[in-house]
C-alpha atoms as a PDB file:
ATOM      1  CA  MET A   1     -54.532 -18.533 -18.389  1.00  0.00           C
ATOM      2  CA  ILE A   2     -53.562 -17.431 -22.318  1.00  0.00           C
ATOM      3  CA  LEU A   3     -50.708 -15.866 -20.665  1.00  0.00           C
ATOM      4  CA  ILE A   4     -49.335 -18.800 -18.470  1.00  0.00           C
ATOM      5  CA  LEU A   5     -49.736 -20.643 -21.802  1.00  0.00           C
ATOM      6  CA  THR A   6     -47.871 -18.366 -24.077  1.00  0.00           C
ATOM      7  CA  ARG A   7     -45.331 -17.028 -21.888  1.00  0.00           C
ATOM      8  CA  PRO A   8     -43.077 -20.255 -22.476  1.00  0.00           C
ATOM      9  CA  LEU A   9     -43.465 -19.918 -26.040  1.00  0.00           C
ATOM     10  CA  ALA A  10     -42.471 -16.073 -25.819  1.00  0.00           C
ATOM     11  CA  ALA A  11     -39.309 -17.221 -23.693  1.00  0.00           C
ATOM     12  CA  THR A  12     -38.324 -19.744 -26.155  1.00  0.00           C
ATOM     13  CA  ASN A  13     -38.585 -17.168 -28.881  1.00  0.00           C
ATOM     14  CA  SER A  14     -36.664 -14.719 -27.386  1.00  0.00           C
ATOM     15  CA  ASN A  15     -33.923 -17.239 -26.755  1.00  0.00           C
ATOM     16  CA  ALA A  16     -33.785 -17.987 -30.261  1.00  0.00           C
ATOM     17  CA  GLU A  17     -33.787 -14.351 -31.053  1.00  0.00           C
ATOM     18  CA  THR A  18     -30.778 -14.047 -28.987  1.00  0.00           C
ATOM     19  CA  ALA A  19     -28.959 -17.459 -30.087  1.00  0.00           C
ATOM     20  CA  LEU A  20     -29.841 -16.103 -33.675  1.00  0.00           C
ATOM     21  CA  SER A  21     -27.616 -12.714 -33.269  1.00  0.00           C
ATOM     22  CA  VAL A  22     -24.694 -14.469 -31.685  1.00  0.00           C
ATOM     23  CA  GLY A  23     -24.814 -16.934 -34.359  1.00  0.00           C
ATOM     24  CA  LEU A  24     -24.735 -14.350 -37.052  1.00  0.00           C
ATOM     25  CA  ALA A  25     -22.086 -12.426 -35.257  1.00  0.00           C
ATOM     26  CA  ASN A  26     -20.159 -15.861 -35.024  1.00  0.00           C
ATOM     27  CA  CYS A  27     -20.438 -16.680 -38.921  1.00  0.00           C
ATOM     28  CA  GLN A  28     -19.645 -12.838 -39.308  1.00  0.00           C
ATOM     29  CA  HIS A  29     -16.473 -12.559 -37.868  1.00  0.00           C
ATOM     30  CA  ARG A  30     -14.566 -14.065 -40.791  1.00  0.00           C
ATOM     31  CA  ASN A  31     -16.401 -11.742 -43.456  1.00  0.00           C
ATOM     32  CA  CYS A  32     -15.714  -8.939 -41.502  1.00  0.00           C
ATOM     33  CA  ARG A  33     -11.869  -9.272 -41.645  1.00  0.00           C
ATOM     34  CA  SER A  34     -11.682  -7.901 -45.472  1.00  0.00           C
ATOM     35  CA  GLU A  35     -13.875  -5.876 -47.452  1.00  0.00           C
ATOM     36  CA  THR A  36     -12.532  -7.023 -50.572  1.00  0.00           C
ATOM     37  CA  LYS A  37     -10.957 -10.440 -50.385  1.00  0.00           C
ATOM     38  CA  SER A  38     -12.849 -13.972 -49.706  1.00  0.00           C
ATOM     39  CA  ALA A  39     -13.024 -15.152 -46.513  1.00  0.00           C
ATOM     40  CA  LEU A  40     -12.053 -18.612 -47.878  1.00  0.00           C
ATOM     41  CA  THR A  41      -8.781 -17.218 -48.661  1.00  0.00           C
ATOM     42  CA  LEU A  42      -8.077 -15.554 -45.177  1.00  0.00           C
ATOM     43  CA  SER A  43      -6.877 -18.065 -42.518  1.00  0.00           C
ATOM     44  CA  PRO A  44      -8.729 -17.689 -38.935  1.00  0.00           C
ATOM     45  CA  LEU A  45      -5.144 -18.311 -37.283  1.00  0.00           C
ATOM     46  CA  ARG A  46      -4.054 -14.849 -38.666  1.00  0.00           C
ATOM     47  CA  SER A  47      -6.089 -12.990 -36.110  1.00  0.00           C
ATOM     48  CA  PRO A  48      -5.857 -14.964 -33.005  1.00  0.00           C
ATOM     49  CA  ILE A  49      -7.668 -12.436 -30.919  1.00  0.00           C
ATOM     50  CA  LEU A  50     -10.927 -12.183 -33.029  1.00  0.00           C
ATOM     51  CA  LEU A  51     -10.835 -16.184 -32.960  1.00  0.00           C
ATOM     52  CA  ALA A  52     -10.831 -16.264 -29.403  1.00  0.00           C
ATOM     53  CA  GLY A  53     -13.262 -13.334 -28.802  1.00  0.00           C
ATOM     54  CA  THR A  54     -15.927 -15.113 -31.081  1.00  0.00           C
ATOM     55  CA  ILE A  55     -15.186 -18.611 -29.074  1.00  0.00           C
ATOM     56  CA  THR A  56     -15.303 -16.697 -25.816  1.00  0.00           C
ATOM     57  CA  ALA A  57     -18.483 -14.828 -26.512  1.00  0.00           C
ATOM     58  CA  PHE A  58     -19.985 -18.076 -28.034  1.00  0.00           C
ATOM     59  CA  LEU A  59     -19.102 -20.180 -24.889  1.00  0.00           C
ATOM     60  CA  VAL A  60     -20.496 -17.149 -22.779  1.00  0.00           C
ATOM     61  CA  HIS A  61     -23.555 -17.386 -24.404  1.00  0.00           C
ATOM     62  CA  LEU A  62     -24.352 -21.165 -23.732  1.00  0.00           C
ATOM     63  CA  ALA A  63     -23.072 -20.637 -20.293  1.00  0.00           C
ATOM     64  CA  ALA A  64     -25.943 -18.397 -19.928  1.00  0.00           C
ATOM     65  CA  MET A  65     -28.202 -20.293 -21.871  1.00  0.00           C
ATOM     66  CA  TYR A  66     -27.763 -23.463 -19.872  1.00  0.00           C
ATOM     67  CA  SER A  67     -26.642 -23.037 -16.376  1.00  0.00           C
ATOM     68  CA  PRO A  68     -29.215 -22.715 -13.463  1.00  0.00           C
ATOM     69  CA  ILE A  69     -27.226 -19.095 -12.660  1.00  0.00           C
ATOM     70  CA  GLY A  70     -27.748 -17.634 -16.056  1.00  0.00           C
ATOM     71  CA  GLN A  71     -31.126 -18.815 -16.570  1.00  0.00           C
ATOM     72  CA  ALA A  72     -32.406 -17.213 -13.565  1.00  0.00           C
ATOM     73  CA  PHE A  73     -30.349 -14.198 -14.016  1.00  0.00           C
ATOM     74  CA  LEU A  74     -31.588 -13.773 -17.725  1.00  0.00           C
ATOM     75  CA  GLN A  75     -34.701 -15.380 -17.135  1.00  0.00           C
ATOM     76  CA  SER A  76     -33.795 -17.824 -20.315  1.00  0.00           C
ATOM     77  CA  GLU A  77     -34.438 -21.382 -20.833  1.00  0.00           C
ATOM     78  CA  PRO A  78     -32.087 -23.642 -23.255  1.00  0.00           C
ATOM     79  CA  VAL A  79     -33.077 -23.601 -26.925  1.00  0.00           C
ATOM     80  CA  ALA A  80     -34.190 -27.218 -28.435  1.00  0.00           C
ATOM     81  CA  LEU A  81     -31.698 -28.896 -30.551  1.00  0.00           C
ATOM     82  CA  LYS A  82     -33.839 -28.758 -33.386  1.00  0.00           C
ATOM     83  CA  ILE A  83     -34.429 -25.251 -33.175  1.00  0.00           C
ATOM     84  CA  TRP A  84     -30.194 -24.728 -32.910  1.00  0.00           C
ATOM     85  CA  GLY A  85     -30.281 -26.727 -36.192  1.00  0.00           C
ATOM     86  CA  ILE A  86     -32.833 -24.103 -38.085  1.00  0.00           C
ATOM     87  CA  LEU A  87     -30.804 -21.317 -36.326  1.00  0.00           C
ATOM     88  CA  LEU A  88     -27.554 -22.671 -37.877  1.00  0.00           C
ATOM     89  CA  MET A  89     -29.014 -22.994 -41.331  1.00  0.00           C
ATOM     90  CA  LEU A  90     -29.919 -19.311 -41.208  1.00  0.00           C
ATOM     91  CA  ASP A  91     -26.513 -18.098 -39.403  1.00  0.00           C
ATOM     92  CA  LEU A  92     -24.741 -19.563 -42.506  1.00  0.00           C
ATOM     93  CA  ILE A  93     -26.874 -17.631 -45.006  1.00  0.00           C
ATOM     94  CA  ILE A  94     -24.998 -14.602 -44.303  1.00  0.00           C
ATOM     95  CA  PHE A  95     -21.649 -16.217 -45.365  1.00  0.00           C
ATOM     96  CA  PRO A  96     -22.620 -16.683 -49.095  1.00  0.00           C
ATOM     97  CA  VAL A  97     -24.389 -13.551 -49.270  1.00  0.00           C
ATOM     98  CA  MET A  98     -21.211 -11.503 -48.140  1.00  0.00           C
ATOM     99  CA  GLU A  99     -18.900 -13.399 -50.403  1.00  0.00           C
ATOM    100  CA  LEU A 100     -21.227 -12.517 -53.334  1.00  0.00           C
ATOM    101  CA  HIS A 101     -21.174  -8.862 -52.353  1.00  0.00           C
ATOM    102  CA  LYS A 102     -17.187  -9.096 -52.496  1.00  0.00           C
ATOM    103  CA  TRP A 103     -17.268 -10.807 -55.587  1.00  0.00           C
ATOM    104  CA  THR A 104     -19.418  -8.302 -57.115  1.00  0.00           C
ATOM    105  CA  TRP A 105     -17.843  -5.208 -55.399  1.00  0.00           C
ATOM    106  CA  SER A 106     -14.352  -6.349 -57.219  1.00  0.00           C
ATOM    107  CA  THR A 107     -16.040  -6.791 -60.591  1.00  0.00           C
ATOM    108  CA  ARG A 108     -17.579  -3.123 -60.318  1.00  0.00           C
ATOM    109  CA  HIS A 109     -14.175  -1.364 -59.005  1.00  0.00           C
ATOM    110  CA  ARG A 110     -11.455  -3.169 -60.786  1.00  0.00           C
ATOM    111  CA  GLU A 111      -8.782  -1.109 -61.481  1.00  0.00           C
ATOM    112  CA  PRO A 112      -8.504  -0.888 -65.677  1.00  0.00           C
ATOM    113  CA  SER A 113      -5.196  -2.297 -66.604  1.00  0.00           C
ATOM    114  CA  TYR A 114      -3.029  -0.213 -68.808  1.00  0.00           C
ATOM    115  CA  VAL A 115      -0.794  -2.495 -71.229  1.00  0.00           C
END
């Protein structure tokens, strides 16, 4: 009886974990283009293959999660809108962390200026 009651919760958690990892990858794709330059200074259109791949991967993830064929094959279920909001906030944490890392790296490895 307990297994029957906890099974949907376990499936929802698994789906949320998968959505979190896909979201982190999607948020990280801009930071991966440069180890030293801010992602805010780089245009996403300069690498259209990376942008198209990121969007395609996200759409495939959504299709697998929300289509009946994907749900049957992966034994998944849709994630609630409230959970999507929480996952988005968690996904976006990586962006300022990576920007801070790039800034500290550039200040630590700044080339000395010889006047």
